[in-house]
Amino acid sequence: MSEPQAGGEAPPAGRVTSERRGHLLLLGLDRPQKRNALTPDLLRALAAAYGELERSDARCGVVFAHGQDFTTGLDLLAFAADMTLERWAPDPGSIDPWGLTPPYRLKPVVVAVHGRCWTAGLELALASDIVVAAAGTRFAQLEIRRGLVPLGGGPFRFVERAGWGNAMRWLLTGDEFDAAEAYRLGVVQEVAEDGRQLERALELAETIAEQAPLGVRMTRELALQALHEGQPAAAATLDARRLELAGTADAAEGVAALIERRKPQFTGR
């Protein structure tokens, strides 16, 4: 499985590469000369790419990075004039990759991280569905050491994944932690050999893409509803959504494939 190529030198502010592979859309952070530090332009490009994923017929996104590091976080010099992040406000049709402002992403995203995955990069991972980390990845939420607070959802998403004490251990110290600790905390779901993290992320994304797209979407919607509104709210809509899926062509295909003992071919209808 070949690794995506960046295709020439990235502009100084960075870019996001986009490659379609079957039902997958691969999105690559591409500013390796600056350790993929996130500029306003790079963040806008990533938000636009998330919008592209949502509008396309791709079934799953895979986010990775070119170069030696996933990202060292925000380029503070690029944001120095406006730490409210207003300068990177997503353009119409874009989707906030941190998932903090609507419209929200509905397509699943698997993230492959390596090298340094700091601050805003860690928050990108926490906002995704599944994270695969190279064994040598180093994580840190360093904002506290700069007199700042994480701006991409870190304080609450870290607590969701790891629990209060585990999250505060790292949020309040700014200390760096490794992939094994990230796995223990639930920040990452799998640890791969260095250099194999993207391959493994693609394997997981392919498995997701083989499932019924409407079922995948509804599963994410119910999980998000329970997270944001509480379990009773999600439970109250469960029967109606189950019946909605039961009448789809994909549900009929799933039953037929079971009876015929073959692999189902889902179409998203």
Protein backbone atom coordinates (compact mmCIF):
# COMPACT_ATOMS: atom_id res chain seq x y z
CA MET A 1 0.00 0.00 0.00
CA SER A 2 1.78 3.12 -1.23
CA GLU A 3 2.00 6.27 0.88
CA PRO A 4 0.45 9.39 -0.68
CA GLN A 5 2.93 11.77 -2.30
CA ALA A 6 2.81 15.48 -1.59
CA GLY A 7 3.41 16.42 -5.23
CA GLY A 8 5.91 19.27 -5.08
CA GLU A 9 6.95 21.73 -2.41
CA ALA A 10 4.15 23.09 -0.24
CA PRO A 11 3.58 26.88 -0.04
CA PRO A 12 5.02 28.63 3.05
CA ALA A 13 1.65 28.71 4.83
CA GLY A 14 1.08 25.02 4.08
CA ARG A 15 -1.61 23.10 2.23
CA VAL A 16 -3.75 19.98 2.53
CA THR A 17 -3.23 17.26 -0.05
CA SER A 18 -6.30 15.32 -1.15
CA GLU A 19 -6.34 11.88 -2.74
CA ARG A 20 -9.28 9.64 -3.50
CA ARG A 21 -8.78 5.89 -3.04
CA GLY A 22 -11.96 4.00 -3.74
CA HIS A 23 -14.45 4.91 -1.02
CA LEU A 24 -11.78 6.75 1.00
CA LEU A 25 -10.64 10.37 0.90
CA LEU A 26 -7.07 10.85 2.15
CA LEU A 27 -6.24 14.30 3.53
CA GLY A 28 -2.62 15.16 4.30
CA LEU A 29 -1.23 18.09 6.30
CA ASP A 30 1.61 19.40 4.14
CA ARG A 31 3.94 21.94 5.72
CA PRO A 32 6.84 19.66 6.67
CA GLN A 33 9.45 22.42 6.57
CA LYS A 34 7.71 23.90 9.65
CA ARG A 35 6.79 20.58 11.30
CA ASN A 36 3.25 21.01 9.95
CA ALA A 37 2.60 23.88 12.37
CA LEU A 38 -0.93 25.09 11.67
CA THR A 39 -1.33 28.53 10.08
CA PRO A 40 -4.67 30.24 9.39
CA ASP A 41 -4.35 29.22 5.73
CA LEU A 42 -3.59 25.60 6.59
CA LEU A 43 -6.53 25.40 8.99
CA ARG A 44 -8.86 26.91 6.39
CA ALA A 45 -7.58 24.36 3.86
CA LEU A 46 -8.26 21.52 6.30
CA ALA A 47 -11.77 22.85 7.01
CA ALA A 48 -12.41 23.05 3.25
CA ALA A 49 -11.16 19.47 2.86
CA TYR A 50 -13.57 18.30 5.57
CA GLY A 51 -16.33 20.02 3.63
CA GLU A 52 -15.17 18.22 0.50
CA LEU A 53 -15.35 14.91 2.38
CA GLU A 54 -18.88 15.63 3.58
CA ARG A 55 -20.20 16.55 0.11
CA SER A 56 -18.46 13.72 -1.74
CA ASP A 57 -19.60 10.13 -2.07
CA ALA A 58 -16.55 9.02 -0.09
CA ARG A 59 -17.56 6.89 2.88
CA CYS A 60 -14.66 7.62 5.23
CA GLY A 61 -11.87 10.16 5.58
CA VAL A 62 -8.28 9.47 6.60
CA VAL A 63 -6.18 12.34 7.95
CA PHE A 64 -2.39 12.06 8.11
CA ALA A 65 0.66 14.30 7.71
CA HIS A 66 3.61 14.52 5.34
CA GLY A 67 7.09 14.80 6.84
CA GLN A 68 8.53 13.82 10.21
CA ASP A 69 5.75 15.13 12.46
CA PHE A 70 1.96 15.08 12.47
CA THR A 71 1.95 18.68 13.71
CA THR A 72 3.52 20.71 16.49
CA GLY A 73 0.25 22.63 16.83
CA LEU A 74 -0.61 26.23 16.06
CA ASP A 75 2.06 28.42 14.50
CA LEU A 76 1.92 31.04 17.25
CA LEU A 77 3.76 33.62 15.15
CA ALA A 78 1.15 33.28 12.43
CA PHE A 79 -1.62 33.72 14.99
CA ALA A 80 0.13 36.30 17.19
CA ALA A 81 -2.06 39.18 16.03
CA ASP A 82 -5.31 37.36 16.78
CA MET A 83 -5.32 34.48 19.24
CA THR A 84 -9.13 34.34 19.07
CA LEU A 85 -8.54 32.36 15.83
CA GLU A 86 -10.95 34.60 13.92
CA ARG A 87 -8.41 34.85 11.12
CA TRP A 88 -8.87 31.20 10.25
CA ALA A 89 -12.69 31.25 10.29
CA PRO A 90 -13.88 28.49 7.92
CA ASP A 91 -15.19 29.60 4.56
CA PRO A 92 -18.77 28.77 3.47
CA GLY A 93 -19.04 25.09 2.67
CA SER A 94 -16.24 24.20 5.07
CA ILE A 95 -16.50 22.15 8.27
CA ASP A 96 -14.64 22.92 11.49
CA PRO A 97 -12.21 19.98 11.87
CA TRP A 98 -12.31 20.42 15.66
CA GLY A 99 -16.10 20.02 15.55
CA LEU A 100 -16.76 23.02 17.77
CA THR A 101 -19.07 25.02 15.49
CA PRO A 102 -21.80 23.90 13.07
CA PRO A 103 -22.17 22.49 10.52
CA TYR A 104 -20.80 19.35 12.09
CA ARG A 105 -19.06 16.50 10.33
CA LEU A 106 -21.19 13.39 9.73
CA LYS A 107 -18.71 11.24 7.77
CA PRO A 108 -16.33 9.13 9.91
CA VAL A 109 -12.66 10.13 10.08
CA VAL A 110 -9.66 7.99 11.01
CA VAL A 111 -6.47 9.86 11.93
CA ALA A 112 -2.91 8.51 11.65
CA VAL A 113 -0.38 10.38 13.81
CA HIS A 114 3.40 10.16 14.10
CA GLY A 115 6.36 12.17 15.33
CA ARG A 116 5.11 15.11 17.36
CA CYS A 117 1.38 15.46 17.86
CA TRP A 118 1.11 18.55 20.01
CA THR A 119 -1.60 20.98 21.13
CA ALA A 120 -3.99 21.68 18.22
CA GLY A 121 -2.85 18.44 16.57
CA LEU A 122 -3.79 16.43 19.62
CA GLU A 123 -7.15 18.19 19.56
CA LEU A 124 -7.63 17.21 15.91
CA ALA A 125 -7.05 13.61 16.96
CA LEU A 126 -9.45 13.91 19.90
CA ALA A 127 -12.13 15.28 17.56
CA SER A 128 -11.83 12.30 15.20
CA ASP A 129 -13.48 8.89 15.43
CA ILE A 130 -10.46 6.57 15.52
CA VAL A 131 -6.76 7.39 16.07
CA VAL A 132 -3.84 5.18 15.08
CA ALA A 133 -0.48 6.30 16.47
CA ALA A 134 3.02 5.30 15.43
CA ALA A 135 4.86 3.77 18.39
CA GLY A 136 7.27 6.69 18.52
CA THR A 137 4.63 9.43 18.59
CA ARG A 138 4.98 12.12 21.26
CA PHE A 139 1.88 13.92 22.53
CA ALA A 140 1.51 17.14 24.52
CA GLN A 141 -1.09 19.78 25.36
CA LEU A 142 1.42 22.57 25.89
CA GLU A 143 -0.83 25.63 26.04
CA ILE A 144 -0.57 25.96 29.81
CA ARG A 145 3.17 26.60 29.38
CA ARG A 146 2.45 29.51 27.04
CA GLY A 147 -0.08 31.20 29.28
CA LEU A 148 -2.89 29.93 27.04
CA VAL A 149 -5.75 27.45 27.16
CA PRO A 150 -6.38 24.77 24.51
CA LEU A 151 -8.66 26.30 21.89
CA GLY A 152 -9.67 23.20 19.91
CA GLY A 153 -11.73 21.41 22.55
CA GLY A 154 -8.88 19.78 24.45
CA PRO A 155 -10.09 20.49 28.01
CA PHE A 156 -13.40 18.67 27.59
CA ARG A 157 -12.53 16.11 24.91
CA PHE A 158 -9.48 14.92 26.87
CA VAL A 159 -11.73 14.44 29.90
CA GLU A 160 -14.27 12.52 27.77
CA ARG A 161 -11.59 10.11 26.58
CA ALA A 162 -9.38 9.74 29.63
CA GLY A 163 -11.40 10.72 32.69
CA TRP A 164 -10.86 13.74 34.94
CA GLY A 165 -7.68 12.82 36.80
CA ASN A 166 -5.92 11.33 33.78
CA ALA A 167 -6.75 14.38 31.66
CA MET A 168 -5.73 16.92 34.29
CA ARG A 169 -2.41 15.13 34.79
CA TRP A 170 -1.43 16.21 31.28
CA LEU A 171 -3.56 19.33 30.71
CA LEU A 172 -2.34 21.13 33.84
CA THR A 173 1.34 20.24 33.51
CA GLY A 174 1.93 20.49 29.77
CA ASP A 175 4.13 17.40 30.08
CA GLU A 176 4.81 15.24 27.04
CA PHE A 177 3.57 11.63 26.92
CA ASP A 178 4.19 8.72 24.60
CA ALA A 179 2.00 6.49 22.43
CA ALA A 180 1.76 3.77 25.07
CA GLU A 181 0.35 6.28 27.57
CA ALA A 182 -1.98 7.72 24.90
CA TYR A 183 -3.31 4.21 24.31
CA ARG A 184 -3.78 3.64 28.04
CA LEU A 185 -5.72 6.89 28.27
CA GLY A 186 -7.96 6.07 25.31
CA VAL A 187 -6.61 9.05 23.35
CA VAL A 188 -5.54 6.62 20.62
CA GLN A 189 -7.23 3.35 19.75
CA GLU A 190 -4.28 1.50 18.24
CA VAL A 191 -0.49 1.77 18.26
CA ALA A 192 1.32 0.64 15.11
CA GLU A 193 4.96 0.14 14.26
CA ASP A 194 6.66 3.36 13.22
CA GLY A 195 5.96 3.86 9.54
CA ARG A 196 2.88 1.59 9.53
CA GLN A 197 0.42 3.97 11.19
CA LEU A 198 -1.09 5.21 7.92
CA GLU A 199 -1.33 1.70 6.49
CA ARG A 200 -3.23 0.57 9.57
CA ALA A 201 -5.48 3.66 9.51
CA LEU A 202 -6.31 2.90 5.88
CA GLU A 203 -7.16 -0.70 6.76
CA LEU A 204 -9.58 0.45 9.45
CA ALA A 205 -11.10 3.07 7.14
CA GLU A 206 -11.57 0.44 4.43
CA THR A 207 -13.42 -1.76 6.90
CA ILE A 208 -15.70 1.16 7.82
CA ALA A 209 -16.26 1.92 4.13
CA GLU A 210 -17.41 -1.67 3.52
CA GLN A 211 -20.31 -1.23 5.95
CA ALA A 212 -23.72 0.23 5.09
CA PRO A 213 -23.18 4.02 4.78
CA LEU A 214 -26.60 4.92 6.19
CA GLY A 215 -26.00 2.67 9.17
CA VAL A 216 -22.56 4.17 9.78
CA ARG A 217 -23.97 7.67 9.66
CA MET A 218 -26.88 6.88 11.94
CA THR A 219 -24.61 5.15 14.44
CA ARG A 220 -22.44 8.28 14.64
CA GLU A 221 -25.50 10.52 14.91
CA LEU A 222 -26.95 8.49 17.80
CA ALA A 223 -23.61 8.44 19.60
CA LEU A 224 -23.21 12.20 19.19
CA GLN A 225 -26.78 12.82 20.30
CA ALA A 226 -26.21 10.79 23.46
CA LEU A 227 -22.96 12.67 24.09
CA HIS A 228 -24.44 16.14 23.60
CA GLU A 229 -28.04 15.69 24.76
CA GLY A 230 -27.84 12.68 27.05
CA GLN A 231 -28.66 9.01 26.65
CA PRO A 232 -32.44 9.41 27.22
CA ALA A 233 -32.66 11.80 24.25
CA ALA A 234 -30.87 9.33 21.98
CA ALA A 235 -32.95 6.42 23.29
CA ALA A 236 -36.16 8.33 22.54
CA THR A 237 -35.26 8.47 18.83
CA LEU A 238 -33.84 4.95 18.54
CA ASP A 239 -36.99 3.12 17.44
CA ALA A 240 -37.85 5.66 14.75
CA ARG A 241 -34.32 5.54 13.38
CA ARG A 242 -34.25 1.75 13.47
CA LEU A 243 -37.46 1.63 11.43
CA GLU A 244 -36.05 4.21 9.02
CA LEU A 245 -33.07 1.97 8.32
CA ALA A 246 -35.20 -1.17 8.10
CA GLY A 247 -36.84 0.15 4.94
CA THR A 248 -33.61 0.81 3.05
CA ALA A 249 -32.12 -1.16 0.19
CA ASP A 250 -28.98 -1.68 2.25
CA ALA A 251 -30.96 -3.37 5.03
CA ALA A 252 -32.50 -5.72 2.45
CA GLU A 253 -29.05 -6.38 1.01
CA GLY A 254 -27.67 -7.18 4.44
CA VAL A 255 -30.36 -9.80 5.05
CA ALA A 256 -30.00 -11.25 1.54
CA ALA A 257 -26.23 -11.52 1.92
CA LEU A 258 -26.68 -13.34 5.23
CA ILE A 259 -29.11 -15.83 3.70
CA GLU A 260 -26.94 -16.35 0.62
CA ARG A 261 -23.75 -16.53 2.70
CA ARG A 262 -21.92 -13.86 0.74
CA LYS A 263 -20.38 -10.49 1.43
CA PRO A 264 -22.95 -7.67 1.21
CA GLN A 265 -22.56 -4.93 -1.39
CA PHE A 266 -23.94 -1.77 0.16
CA THR A 267 -24.88 1.23 -1.96
CA GLY A 268 -25.96 3.81 0.59
CA ARG A 269 -29.63 3.63 -0.39
